[in-house]
Amino acid sequence: MVYATYVDDFSTISGNLTRKEQRDIRRVLAEVMKANGMFSIFDATENQEIAGSMTAIERSGWVKRIEHGYPWLQWELTDEGRQQLDGFSLSSGQV
Protein backbone atom coordinates (compact mmCIF):
# COMPACT_ATOMS: atom_id res chain seq x y z
CA MET A 1 0.00 0.00 0.00
CA VAL A 2 1.30 3.45 -0.92
CA TYR A 3 0.75 6.45 1.33
CA ALA A 4 1.24 10.12 0.55
CA THR A 5 1.59 12.99 2.96
CA TYR A 6 0.83 16.58 2.02
CA VAL A 7 2.04 19.40 4.21
CA ASP A 8 0.03 22.60 4.02
CA ASP A 9 1.80 25.72 5.20
CA PHE A 10 -1.59 27.42 5.62
CA SER A 11 -0.71 30.21 3.25
CA THR A 12 -3.25 30.61 0.49
CA ILE A 13 -2.88 31.68 -3.10
CA SER A 14 -5.13 34.66 -2.52
CA GLY A 15 -3.35 35.52 0.73
CA ASN A 16 -0.17 36.27 -1.21
CA LEU A 17 -1.86 38.46 -3.84
CA THR A 18 -3.95 41.62 -3.74
CA ARG A 19 -7.50 41.44 -5.10
CA LYS A 20 -6.31 43.20 -8.27
CA GLU A 21 -3.46 40.69 -8.67
CA GLN A 22 -5.92 37.82 -8.15
CA ARG A 23 -7.65 38.86 -11.39
CA ASP A 24 -4.36 38.61 -13.35
CA ILE A 25 -4.29 35.00 -14.55
CA ARG A 26 -0.56 35.01 -15.32
CA ARG A 27 0.21 36.28 -11.83
CA VAL A 28 -2.08 33.65 -10.28
CA LEU A 29 -0.49 30.91 -12.38
CA ALA A 30 2.99 32.02 -11.31
CA GLU A 31 1.92 32.01 -7.65
CA VAL A 32 0.51 28.48 -7.92
CA MET A 33 3.63 27.22 -9.68
CA LYS A 34 5.77 28.53 -6.79
CA ALA A 35 4.17 25.70 -4.80
CA ASN A 36 5.04 23.11 -7.47
CA GLY A 37 1.56 23.61 -8.92
CA MET A 38 -0.08 22.12 -5.83
CA PHE A 39 -3.15 23.71 -4.21
CA SER A 40 -6.36 22.80 -2.48
CA ILE A 41 -9.85 23.35 -3.80
CA PHE A 42 -10.37 25.61 -0.79
CA ASP A 43 -7.57 27.90 -2.02
CA ALA A 44 -8.99 27.89 -5.53
CA THR A 45 -12.44 28.99 -4.42
CA GLU A 46 -11.62 31.35 -1.56
CA ASN A 47 -13.22 34.35 -3.27
CA GLN A 48 -14.70 35.32 -6.64
CA GLU A 49 -11.51 36.85 -8.01
CA ILE A 50 -9.30 33.84 -7.37
CA ALA A 51 -12.03 31.40 -8.43
CA GLY A 52 -12.50 33.24 -11.72
CA SER A 53 -8.77 33.27 -12.43
CA MET A 54 -8.32 29.61 -11.53
CA THR A 55 -11.21 28.67 -13.85
CA ALA A 56 -9.77 30.79 -16.67
CA ILE A 57 -6.36 29.15 -16.25
CA GLU A 58 -7.86 25.65 -16.39
CA ARG A 59 -9.74 26.57 -19.58
CA SER A 60 -6.72 28.28 -21.17
CA GLY A 61 -4.78 25.15 -22.08
CA TRP A 62 -1.82 26.42 -20.04
CA VAL A 63 -2.03 23.59 -17.50
CA LYS A 64 -2.79 19.91 -17.18
CA ARG A 65 -4.84 19.07 -14.08
CA ILE A 66 -3.65 16.25 -11.82
CA GLU A 67 -5.97 15.14 -9.01
CA HIS A 68 -4.42 13.94 -5.76
CA GLY A 69 -7.55 13.12 -3.83
CA TYR A 70 -9.92 15.67 -2.39
CA PRO A 71 -9.18 18.49 -1.74
CA TRP A 72 -5.75 18.46 -3.45
CA LEU A 73 -5.05 19.33 -7.07
CA GLN A 74 -1.87 19.99 -8.98
CA TRP A 75 -1.19 21.77 -12.23
CA GLU A 76 1.50 20.74 -14.65
CA LEU A 77 2.45 23.44 -17.15
CA THR A 78 1.91 22.74 -20.83
CA ASP A 79 4.27 24.21 -23.42
CA GLU A 80 1.84 27.10 -23.85
CA GLY A 81 1.77 27.64 -20.08
CA ARG A 82 5.57 27.72 -19.93
CA GLN A 83 5.56 30.33 -22.68
CA GLN A 84 3.11 32.46 -20.70
CA LEU A 85 5.43 32.46 -17.68
CA ASP A 86 8.69 32.76 -19.62
CA GLY A 87 10.33 35.93 -18.35
CA PHE A 88 7.40 36.75 -16.04
CA SER A 89 8.57 38.29 -12.79
CA LEU A 90 6.21 37.54 -9.93
CA SER A 91 7.52 40.46 -7.89
CA SER A 92 6.83 43.07 -10.55
CA GLY A 93 4.19 41.41 -12.67
CA GLN A 94 6.21 42.39 -15.71
CA VAL A 95 7.66 40.36 -18.54
PDB file of N, CA and C in Angstrom:
ATOM      1  N   MET A   1       0.839  -1.167   0.000  1.00  0.00           N
ATOM      2  CA  MET A   1       0.000   0.000   0.000  1.00  0.00           C
ATOM      3  C   MET A   1       0.891   1.240   0.000  1.00  0.00           C
ATOM      4  N   VAL A   2       0.525   2.218  -0.796  1.00  0.00           N
ATOM      5  CA  VAL A   2       1.299   3.452  -0.924  1.00  0.00           C
ATOM      6  C   VAL A   2       0.565   4.574  -0.191  1.00  0.00           C
ATOM      7  N   TYR A   3       1.304   5.318   0.607  1.00  0.00           N
ATOM      8  CA  TYR A   3       0.748   6.449   1.327  1.00  0.00           C
ATOM      9  C   TYR A   3       1.421   7.724   0.852  1.00  0.00           C
ATOM     10  N   ALA A   4       0.677   8.814   0.895  1.00  0.00           N
ATOM     11  CA  ALA A   4       1.235  10.121   0.552  1.00  0.00           C
ATOM     12  C   ALA A   4       0.891  11.095   1.661  1.00  0.00           C
ATOM     13  N   THR A   5       1.814  11.980   1.947  1.00  0.00           N
ATOM     14  CA  THR A   5       1.594  12.994   2.956  1.00  0.00           C
ATOM     15  C   THR A   5       1.742  14.359   2.302  1.00  0.00           C
ATOM     16  N   TYR A   6       0.781  15.225   2.539  1.00  0.00           N
ATOM     17  CA  TYR A   6       0.832  16.578   2.023  1.00  0.00           C
ATOM     18  C   TYR A   6       0.915  17.534   3.200  1.00  0.00           C
ATOM     19  N   VAL A   7       1.876  18.418   3.150  1.00  0.00           N
ATOM     20  CA  VAL A   7       2.041  19.398   4.212  1.00  0.00           C
ATOM     21  C   VAL A   7       1.539  20.723   3.693  1.00  0.00           C
ATOM     22  N   ASP A   8       0.586  21.313   4.391  1.00  0.00           N
ATOM     23  CA  ASP A   8       0.028  22.602   4.019  1.00  0.00           C
ATOM     24  C   ASP A   8       0.626  23.647   4.944  1.00  0.00           C
ATOM     25  N   ASP A   9       1.209  24.683   4.362  1.00  0.00           N
ATOM     26  CA  ASP A   9       1.802  25.721   5.196  1.00  0.00           C
ATOM     27  C   ASP A   9       0.774  26.767   5.607  1.00  0.00           C
ATOM     28  N   PHE A  10      -0.468  26.556   5.260  1.00  0.00           N
ATOM     29  CA  PHE A  10      -1.587  27.416   5.617  1.00  0.00           C
ATOM     30  C   PHE A  10      -1.481  28.811   5.034  1.00  0.00           C
ATOM     31  N   SER A  11      -0.679  28.967   4.003  1.00  0.00           N
ATOM     32  CA  SER A  11      -0.711  30.212   3.246  1.00  0.00           C
ATOM     33  C   SER A  11      -1.536  29.912   1.995  1.00  0.00           C
ATOM     34  N   THR A  12      -2.363  30.837   1.630  1.00  0.00           N
ATOM     35  CA  THR A  12      -3.245  30.610   0.492  1.00  0.00           C
ATOM     36  C   THR A  12      -2.755  31.386  -0.713  1.00  0.00           C
ATOM     37  N   ILE A  13      -3.220  30.974  -1.867  1.00  0.00           N
ATOM     38  CA  ILE A  13      -2.879  31.678  -3.099  1.00  0.00           C
ATOM     39  C   ILE A  13      -3.329  33.125  -2.985  1.00  0.00           C
ATOM     40  N   SER A  14      -4.582  33.304  -2.598  1.00  0.00           N
ATOM     41  CA  SER A  14      -5.128  34.657  -2.524  1.00  0.00           C
ATOM     42  C   SER A  14      -4.487  35.473  -1.413  1.00  0.00           C
ATOM     43  N   GLY A  15      -3.989  34.809  -0.372  1.00  0.00           N
ATOM     44  CA  GLY A  15      -3.347  35.522   0.726  1.00  0.00           C
ATOM     45  C   GLY A  15      -2.046  36.190   0.334  1.00  0.00           C
ATOM     46  N   ASN A  16      -1.434  35.711  -0.746  1.00  0.00           N
ATOM     47  CA  ASN A  16      -0.171  36.273  -1.210  1.00  0.00           C
ATOM     48  C   ASN A  16      -0.358  37.336  -2.284  1.00  0.00           C
ATOM     49  N   LEU A  17      -1.588  37.530  -2.745  1.00  0.00           N
ATOM     50  CA  LEU A  17      -1.860  38.463  -3.837  1.00  0.00           C
ATOM     51  C   LEU A  17      -2.964  39.434  -3.442  1.00  0.00           C
ATOM     52  N   THR A  18      -2.871  40.658  -3.940  1.00  0.00           N
ATOM     53  CA  THR A  18      -3.954  41.620  -3.736  1.00  0.00           C
ATOM     54  C   THR A  18      -5.153  41.194  -4.579  1.00  0.00           C
ATOM     55  N   ARG A  19      -6.306  41.773  -4.305  1.00  0.00           N
ATOM     56  CA  ARG A  19      -7.501  41.442  -5.097  1.00  0.00           C
ATOM     57  C   ARG A  19      -7.271  41.750  -6.584  1.00  0.00           C
ATOM     58  N   LYS A  20      -6.609  42.855  -6.875  1.00  0.00           N
ATOM     59  CA  LYS A  20      -6.313  43.200  -8.267  1.00  0.00           C
ATOM     60  C   LYS A  20      -5.410  42.137  -8.889  1.00  0.00           C
ATOM     61  N   GLU A  21      -4.384  41.715  -8.162  1.00  0.00           N
ATOM     62  CA  GLU A  21      -3.464  40.694  -8.665  1.00  0.00           C
ATOM     63  C   GLU A  21      -4.169  39.354  -8.858  1.00  0.00           C
ATOM     64  N   GLN A  22      -5.175  39.076  -8.040  1.00  0.00           N
ATOM     65  CA  GLN A  22      -5.917  37.822  -8.148  1.00  0.00           C
ATOM     66  C   GLN A  22      -6.700  37.729  -9.455  1.00  0.00           C
ATOM     67  N   ARG A  23      -6.943  38.853 -10.106  1.00  0.00           N
ATOM     68  CA  ARG A  23      -7.650  38.858 -11.393  1.00  0.00           C
ATOM     69  C   ARG A  23      -6.693  38.720 -12.580  1.00  0.00           C
ATOM     70  N   ASP A  24      -5.393  38.742 -12.315  1.00  0.00           N
ATOM     71  CA  ASP A  24      -4.360  38.606 -13.349  1.00  0.00           C
ATOM     72  C   ASP A  24      -3.993  37.123 -13.444  1.00  0.00           C
ATOM     73  N   ILE A  25      -4.456  36.452 -14.495  1.00  0.00           N
ATOM     74  CA  ILE A  25      -4.292  34.997 -14.546  1.00  0.00           C
ATOM     75  C   ILE A  25      -2.826  34.571 -14.649  1.00  0.00           C
ATOM     76  N   ARG A  26      -1.992  35.366 -15.276  1.00  0.00           N
ATOM     77  CA  ARG A  26      -0.563  35.014 -15.325  1.00  0.00           C
ATOM     78  C   ARG A  26       0.061  35.101 -13.936  1.00  0.00           C
ATOM     79  N   ARG A  27      -0.310  36.112 -13.180  1.00  0.00           N
ATOM     80  CA  ARG A  27       0.213  36.277 -11.829  1.00  0.00           C
ATOM     81  C   ARG A  27      -0.272  35.132 -10.939  1.00  0.00           C
ATOM     82  N   VAL A  28      -1.541  34.758 -11.065  1.00  0.00           N
ATOM     83  CA  VAL A  28      -2.084  33.650 -10.275  1.00  0.00           C
ATOM     84  C   VAL A  28      -1.377  32.347 -10.645  1.00  0.00           C
ATOM     85  N   LEU A  29      -1.192  32.120 -11.936  1.00  0.00           N
ATOM     86  CA  LEU A  29      -0.493  30.912 -12.381  1.00  0.00           C
ATOM     87  C   LEU A  29       0.922  30.865 -11.809  1.00  0.00           C
ATOM     88  N   ALA A  30       1.625  31.976 -11.854  1.00  0.00           N
ATOM     89  CA  ALA A  30       2.985  32.024 -11.314  1.00  0.00           C
ATOM     90  C   ALA A  30       2.985  31.728  -9.811  1.00  0.00           C
ATOM     91  N   GLU A  31       2.011  32.244  -9.102  1.00  0.00           N
ATOM     92  CA  GLU A  31       1.918  32.011  -7.650  1.00  0.00           C
ATOM     93  C   GLU A  31       1.663  30.533  -7.361  1.00  0.00           C
ATOM     94  N   VAL A  32       0.782  29.911  -8.117  1.00  0.00           N
ATOM     95  CA  VAL A  32       0.505  28.485  -7.924  1.00  0.00           C
ATOM     96  C   VAL A  32       1.745  27.655  -8.237  1.00  0.00           C
ATOM     97  N   MET A  33       2.461  28.008  -9.279  1.00  0.00           N
ATOM     98  CA  MET A  33       3.628  27.223  -9.677  1.00  0.00           C
ATOM     99  C   MET A  33       4.777  27.366  -8.675  1.00  0.00           C
ATOM    100  N   LYS A  34       4.772  28.418  -7.858  1.00  0.00           N
ATOM    101  CA  LYS A  34       5.773  28.534  -6.790  1.00  0.00           C
ATOM    102  C   LYS A  34       5.639  27.379  -5.800  1.00  0.00           C
ATOM    103  N   ALA A  35       4.436  26.830  -5.709  1.00  0.00           N
ATOM    104  CA  ALA A  35       4.174  25.701  -4.804  1.00  0.00           C
ATOM    105  C   ALA A  35       4.149  24.388  -5.579  1.00  0.00           C
ATOM    106  N   ASN A  36       4.962  24.307  -6.630  1.00  0.00           N
ATOM    107  CA  ASN A  36       5.035  23.110  -7.465  1.00  0.00           C
ATOM    108  C   ASN A  36       3.691  22.783  -8.101  1.00  0.00           C
ATOM    109  N   GLY A  37       2.856  23.793  -8.278  1.00  0.00           N
ATOM    110  CA  GLY A  37       1.562  23.605  -8.921  1.00  0.00           C
ATOM    111  C   GLY A  37       0.500  22.998  -8.021  1.00  0.00           C
ATOM    112  N   MET A  38       0.821  22.798  -6.762  1.00  0.00           N
ATOM    113  CA  MET A  38      -0.080  22.120  -5.826  1.00  0.00           C
ATOM    114  C   MET A  38      -0.944  23.127  -5.070  1.00  0.00           C
ATOM    115  N   PHE A  39      -2.245  22.841  -4.959  1.00  0.00           N
ATOM    116  CA  PHE A  39      -3.149  23.708  -4.209  1.00  0.00           C
ATOM    117  C   PHE A  39      -4.373  22.902  -3.801  1.00  0.00           C
ATOM    118  N   SER A  40      -5.126  23.462  -2.889  1.00  0.00           N
ATOM    119  CA  SER A  40      -6.362  22.797  -2.475  1.00  0.00           C
ATOM    120  C   SER A  40      -7.553  23.492  -3.131  1.00  0.00           C
ATOM    121  N   ILE A  41      -8.635  22.782  -3.232  1.00  0.00           N
ATOM    122  CA  ILE A  41      -9.852  23.351  -3.805  1.00  0.00           C
ATOM    123  C   ILE A  41     -10.326  24.529  -2.955  1.00  0.00           C
ATOM    124  N   PHE A  42     -10.001  24.499  -1.665  1.00  0.00           N
ATOM    125  CA  PHE A  42     -10.374  25.611  -0.785  1.00  0.00           C
ATOM    126  C   PHE A  42      -9.628  26.882  -1.181  1.00  0.00           C
ATOM    127  N   ASP A  43      -8.343  26.747  -1.534  1.00  0.00           N
ATOM    128  CA  ASP A  43      -7.566  27.897  -2.024  1.00  0.00           C
ATOM    129  C   ASP A  43      -8.153  28.434  -3.322  1.00  0.00           C
ATOM    130  N   ALA A  44      -8.532  27.516  -4.191  1.00  0.00           N
ATOM    131  CA  ALA A  44      -8.985  27.892  -5.531  1.00  0.00           C
ATOM    132  C   ALA A  44     -10.348  28.556  -5.544  1.00  0.00           C
ATOM    133  N   THR A  45     -11.084  28.438  -4.461  1.00  0.00           N
ATOM    134  CA  THR A  45     -12.441  28.992  -4.423  1.00  0.00           C
ATOM    135  C   THR A  45     -12.630  29.956  -3.256  1.00  0.00           C
ATOM    136  N   GLU A  46     -11.546  30.495  -2.745  1.00  0.00           N
ATOM    137  CA  GLU A  46     -11.616  31.347  -1.558  1.00  0.00           C
ATOM    138  C   GLU A  46     -12.449  32.609  -1.768  1.00  0.00           C
ATOM    139  N   ASN A  47     -12.394  33.178  -2.954  1.00  0.00           N
ATOM    140  CA  ASN A  47     -13.217  34.352  -3.273  1.00  0.00           C
ATOM    141  C   ASN A  47     -13.466  34.375  -4.781  1.00  0.00           C
ATOM    142  N   GLN A  48     -14.322  35.289  -5.230  1.00  0.00           N
ATOM    143  CA  GLN A  48     -14.703  35.325  -6.644  1.00  0.00           C
ATOM    144  C   GLN A  48     -13.528  35.610  -7.566  1.00  0.00           C
ATOM    145  N   GLU A  49     -12.635  36.491  -7.146  1.00  0.00           N
ATOM    146  CA  GLU A  49     -11.513  36.854  -8.009  1.00  0.00           C
ATOM    147  C   GLU A  49     -10.612  35.650  -8.271  1.00  0.00           C
ATOM    148  N   ILE A  50     -10.217  34.974  -7.202  1.00  0.00           N
ATOM    149  CA  ILE A  50      -9.301  33.844  -7.370  1.00  0.00           C
ATOM    150  C   ILE A  50     -10.008  32.697  -8.085  1.00  0.00           C
ATOM    151  N   ALA A  51     -11.275  32.468  -7.779  1.00  0.00           N
ATOM    152  CA  ALA A  51     -12.026  31.395  -8.433  1.00  0.00           C
ATOM    153  C   ALA A  51     -12.141  31.652  -9.934  1.00  0.00           C
ATOM    154  N   GLY A  52     -12.399  32.905 -10.306  1.00  0.00           N
ATOM    155  CA  GLY A  52     -12.496  33.242 -11.723  1.00  0.00           C
ATOM    156  C   GLY A  52     -11.181  33.042 -12.448  1.00  0.00           C
ATOM    157  N   SER A  53     -10.084  33.440 -11.813  1.00  0.00           N
ATOM    158  CA  SER A  53      -8.770  33.273 -12.430  1.00  0.00           C
ATOM    159  C   SER A  53      -8.391  31.806 -12.547  1.00  0.00           C
ATOM    160  N   MET A  54      -8.650  31.037 -11.500  1.00  0.00           N
ATOM    161  CA  MET A  54      -8.320  29.606 -11.531  1.00  0.00           C
ATOM    162  C   MET A  54      -9.112  28.896 -12.634  1.00  0.00           C
ATOM    163  N   THR A  55     -10.384  29.251 -12.783  1.00  0.00           N
ATOM    164  CA  THR A  55     -11.210  28.666 -13.845  1.00  0.00           C
ATOM    165  C   THR A  55     -10.668  29.052 -15.215  1.00  0.00           C
ATOM    166  N   ALA A  56     -10.314  30.322 -15.384  1.00  0.00           N
ATOM    167  CA  ALA A  56      -9.769  30.791 -16.668  1.00  0.00           C
ATOM    168  C   ALA A  56      -8.474  30.071 -17.012  1.00  0.00           C
ATOM    169  N   ILE A  57      -7.622  29.845 -16.010  1.00  0.00           N
ATOM    170  CA  ILE A  57      -6.358  29.146 -16.250  1.00  0.00           C
ATOM    171  C   ILE A  57      -6.628  27.711 -16.691  1.00  0.00           C
ATOM    172  N   GLU A  58      -7.551  27.045 -16.019  1.00  0.00           N
ATOM    173  CA  GLU A  58      -7.860  25.652 -16.390  1.00  0.00           C
ATOM    174  C   GLU A  58      -8.405  25.565 -17.813  1.00  0.00           C
ATOM    175  N   ARG A  59      -9.153  26.563 -18.233  1.00  0.00           N
ATOM    176  CA  ARG A  59      -9.743  26.567 -19.582  1.00  0.00           C
ATOM    177  C   ARG A  59      -8.776  27.049 -20.655  1.00  0.00           C
ATOM    178  N   SER A  60      -7.655  27.636 -20.235  1.00  0.00           N
ATOM    179  CA  SER A  60      -6.724  28.279 -21.173  1.00  0.00           C
ATOM    180  C   SER A  60      -5.863  27.305 -21.967  1.00  0.00           C
ATOM    181  N   GLY A  61      -5.703  26.082 -21.449  1.00  0.00           N
ATOM    182  CA  GLY A  61      -4.778  25.153 -22.084  1.00  0.00           C
ATOM    183  C   GLY A  61      -3.349  25.317 -21.583  1.00  0.00           C
ATOM    184  N   TRP A  62      -3.154  26.167 -20.585  1.00  0.00           N
ATOM    185  CA  TRP A  62      -1.821  26.421 -20.040  1.00  0.00           C
ATOM    186  C   TRP A  62      -1.384  25.348 -19.067  1.00  0.00           C
ATOM    187  N   VAL A  63      -2.345  24.574 -18.535  1.00  0.00           N
ATOM    188  CA  VAL A  63      -2.035  23.586 -17.500  1.00  0.00           C
ATOM    189  C   VAL A  63      -2.753  22.268 -17.763  1.00  0.00           C
ATOM    190  N   LYS A  64      -2.164  21.223 -17.226  1.00  0.00           N
ATOM    191  CA  LYS A  64      -2.794  19.909 -17.183  1.00  0.00           C
ATOM    192  C   LYS A  64      -3.141  19.664 -15.721  1.00  0.00           C
ATOM    193  N   ARG A  65      -4.367  19.274 -15.454  1.00  0.00           N
ATOM    194  CA  ARG A  65      -4.838  19.065 -14.079  1.00  0.00           C
ATOM    195  C   ARG A  65      -4.540  17.646 -13.622  1.00  0.00           C
ATOM    196  N   ILE A  66      -3.955  17.538 -12.431  1.00  0.00           N
ATOM    197  CA  ILE A  66      -3.652  16.247 -11.822  1.00  0.00           C
ATOM    198  C   ILE A  66      -4.369  16.221 -10.472  1.00  0.00           C
ATOM    199  N   GLU A  67      -5.228  15.236 -10.268  1.00  0.00           N
ATOM    200  CA  GLU A  67      -5.971  15.139  -9.015  1.00  0.00           C
ATOM    201  C   GLU A  67      -5.227  14.233  -8.050  1.00  0.00           C
ATOM    202  N   HIS A  68      -5.132  14.688  -6.802  1.00  0.00           N
ATOM    203  CA  HIS A  68      -4.418  13.942  -5.762  1.00  0.00           C
ATOM    204  C   HIS A  68      -5.343  13.511  -4.637  1.00  0.00           C
ATOM    205  N   GLY A  69      -6.594  13.447  -4.886  1.00  0.00           N
ATOM    206  CA  GLY A  69      -7.550  13.118  -3.834  1.00  0.00           C
ATOM    207  C   GLY A  69      -8.017  14.381  -3.142  1.00  0.00           C
ATOM    208  N   TYR A  70      -9.305  14.483  -2.958  1.00  0.00           N
ATOM    209  CA  TYR A  70      -9.923  15.668  -2.388  1.00  0.00           C
ATOM    210  C   TYR A  70      -9.243  16.067  -1.091  1.00  0.00           C
ATOM    211  N   PRO A  71      -8.903  17.305  -0.921  1.00  0.00           N
ATOM    212  CA  PRO A  71      -9.180  18.487  -1.738  1.00  0.00           C
ATOM    213  C   PRO A  71      -8.001  18.928  -2.598  1.00  0.00           C
ATOM    214  N   TRP A  72      -7.000  18.044  -2.813  1.00  0.00           N
ATOM    215  CA  TRP A  72      -5.749  18.455  -3.451  1.00  0.00           C
ATOM    216  C   TRP A  72      -5.763  18.294  -4.959  1.00  0.00           C
ATOM    217  N   LEU A  73      -5.234  19.325  -5.619  1.00  0.00           N
ATOM    218  CA  LEU A  73      -5.046  19.334  -7.069  1.00  0.00           C
ATOM    219  C   LEU A  73      -3.636  19.826  -7.357  1.00  0.00           C
ATOM    220  N   GLN A  74      -3.172  19.500  -8.549  1.00  0.00           N
ATOM    221  CA  GLN A  74      -1.869  19.992  -8.981  1.00  0.00           C
ATOM    222  C   GLN A  74      -1.973  20.345 -10.454  1.00  0.00           C
ATOM    223  N   TRP A  75      -1.276  21.393 -10.836  1.00  0.00           N
ATOM    224  CA  TRP A  75      -1.185  21.771 -12.232  1.00  0.00           C
ATOM    225  C   TRP A  75       0.208  21.481 -12.738  1.00  0.00           C
ATOM    226  N   GLU A  76       0.254  20.928 -13.926  1.00  0.00           N
ATOM    227  CA  GLU A  76       1.505  20.744 -14.649  1.00  0.00           C
ATOM    228  C   GLU A  76       1.435  21.676 -15.850  1.00  0.00           C
ATOM    229  N   LEU A  77       2.455  22.483 -16.035  1.00  0.00           N
ATOM    230  CA  LEU A  77       2.449  23.438 -17.150  1.00  0.00           C
ATOM    231  C   LEU A  77       2.544  22.721 -18.486  1.00  0.00           C
ATOM    232  N   THR A  78       1.768  23.178 -19.447  1.00  0.00           N
ATOM    233  CA  THR A  78       1.911  22.738 -20.829  1.00  0.00           C
ATOM    234  C   THR A  78       2.959  23.638 -21.478  1.00  0.00           C
ATOM    235  N   ASP A  79       3.322  23.345 -22.709  1.00  0.00           N
ATOM    236  CA  ASP A  79       4.272  24.206 -23.421  1.00  0.00           C
ATOM    237  C   ASP A  79       3.738  25.636 -23.501  1.00  0.00           C
ATOM    238  N   GLU A  80       2.449  25.773 -23.765  1.00  0.00           N
ATOM    239  CA  GLU A  80       1.836  27.105 -23.849  1.00  0.00           C
ATOM    240  C   GLU A  80       1.899  27.819 -22.492  1.00  0.00           C
ATOM    241  N   GLY A  81       1.682  27.069 -21.414  1.00  0.00           N
ATOM    242  CA  GLY A  81       1.771  27.643 -20.077  1.00  0.00           C
ATOM    243  C   GLY A  81       3.171  28.113 -19.756  1.00  0.00           C
ATOM    244  N   ARG A  82       4.172  27.319 -20.148  1.00  0.00           N
ATOM    245  CA  ARG A  82       5.566  27.724 -19.927  1.00  0.00           C
ATOM    246  C   ARG A  82       5.876  29.002 -20.697  1.00  0.00           C
ATOM    247  N   GLN A  83       5.343  29.117 -21.901  1.00  0.00           N
ATOM    248  CA  GLN A  83       5.558  30.332 -22.685  1.00  0.00           C
ATOM    249  C   GLN A  83       4.938  31.544 -21.999  1.00  0.00           C
ATOM    250  N   GLN A  84       3.777  31.358 -21.388  1.00  0.00           N
ATOM    251  CA  GLN A  84       3.114  32.462 -20.696  1.00  0.00           C
ATOM    252  C   GLN A  84       3.933  32.970 -19.517  1.00  0.00           C
ATOM    253  N   LEU A  85       4.644  32.064 -18.846  1.00  0.00           N
ATOM    254  CA  LEU A  85       5.429  32.456 -17.681  1.00  0.00           C
ATOM    255  C   LEU A  85       6.874  32.776 -18.010  1.00  0.00           C
ATOM    256  N   ASP A  86       7.310  32.499 -19.236  1.00  0.00           N
ATOM    257  CA  ASP A  86       8.693  32.760 -19.623  1.00  0.00           C
ATOM    258  C   ASP A  86       9.007  34.249 -19.453  1.00  0.00           C
ATOM    259  N   GLY A  87       9.929  34.550 -18.575  1.00  0.00           N
ATOM    260  CA  GLY A  87      10.334  35.932 -18.354  1.00  0.00           C
ATOM    261  C   GLY A  87       9.399  36.718 -17.442  1.00  0.00           C
ATOM    262  N   PHE A  88       8.352  36.070 -16.920  1.00  0.00           N
ATOM    263  CA  PHE A  88       7.405  36.754 -16.043  1.00  0.00           C
ATOM    264  C   PHE A  88       7.998  36.873 -14.655  1.00  0.00           C
ATOM    265  N   SER A  89       8.044  38.065 -14.136  1.00  0.00           N
ATOM    266  CA  SER A  89       8.566  38.294 -12.789  1.00  0.00           C
ATOM    267  C   SER A  89       7.391  38.440 -11.824  1.00  0.00           C
ATOM    268  N   LEU A  90       7.306  37.518 -10.882  1.00  0.00           N
ATOM    269  CA  LEU A  90       6.205  37.542  -9.928  1.00  0.00           C
ATOM    270  C   LEU A  90       6.237  38.807  -9.083  1.00  0.00           C
ATOM    271  N   SER A  91       7.430  39.286  -8.765  1.00  0.00           N
ATOM    272  CA  SER A  91       7.524  40.456  -7.891  1.00  0.00           C
ATOM    273  C   SER A  91       7.031  41.723  -8.566  1.00  0.00           C
ATOM    274  N   SER A  92       7.237  41.843  -9.868  1.00  0.00           N
ATOM    275  CA  SER A  92       6.829  43.072 -10.546  1.00  0.00           C
ATOM    276  C   SER A  92       5.612  42.892 -11.428  1.00  0.00           C
ATOM    277  N   GLY A  93       5.300  41.645 -11.775  1.00  0.00           N
ATOM    278  CA  GLY A  93       4.190  41.408 -12.674  1.00  0.00           C
ATOM    279  C   GLY A  93       4.520  41.750 -14.105  1.00  0.00           C
ATOM    280  N   GLN A  94       5.782  41.969 -14.373  1.00  0.00           N
ATOM    281  CA  GLN A  94       6.208  42.386 -15.713  1.00  0.00           C
ATOM    282  C   GLN A  94       6.950  41.257 -16.419  1.00  0.00           C
ATOM    283  N   VAL A  95       6.900  41.307 -17.729  1.00  0.00           N
ATOM    284  CA  VAL A  95       7.659  40.357 -18.538  1.00  0.00           C
ATOM    285  C   VAL A  95       8.982  40.998 -18.875  1.00  0.00           C
TER     286      VAL A  95
END
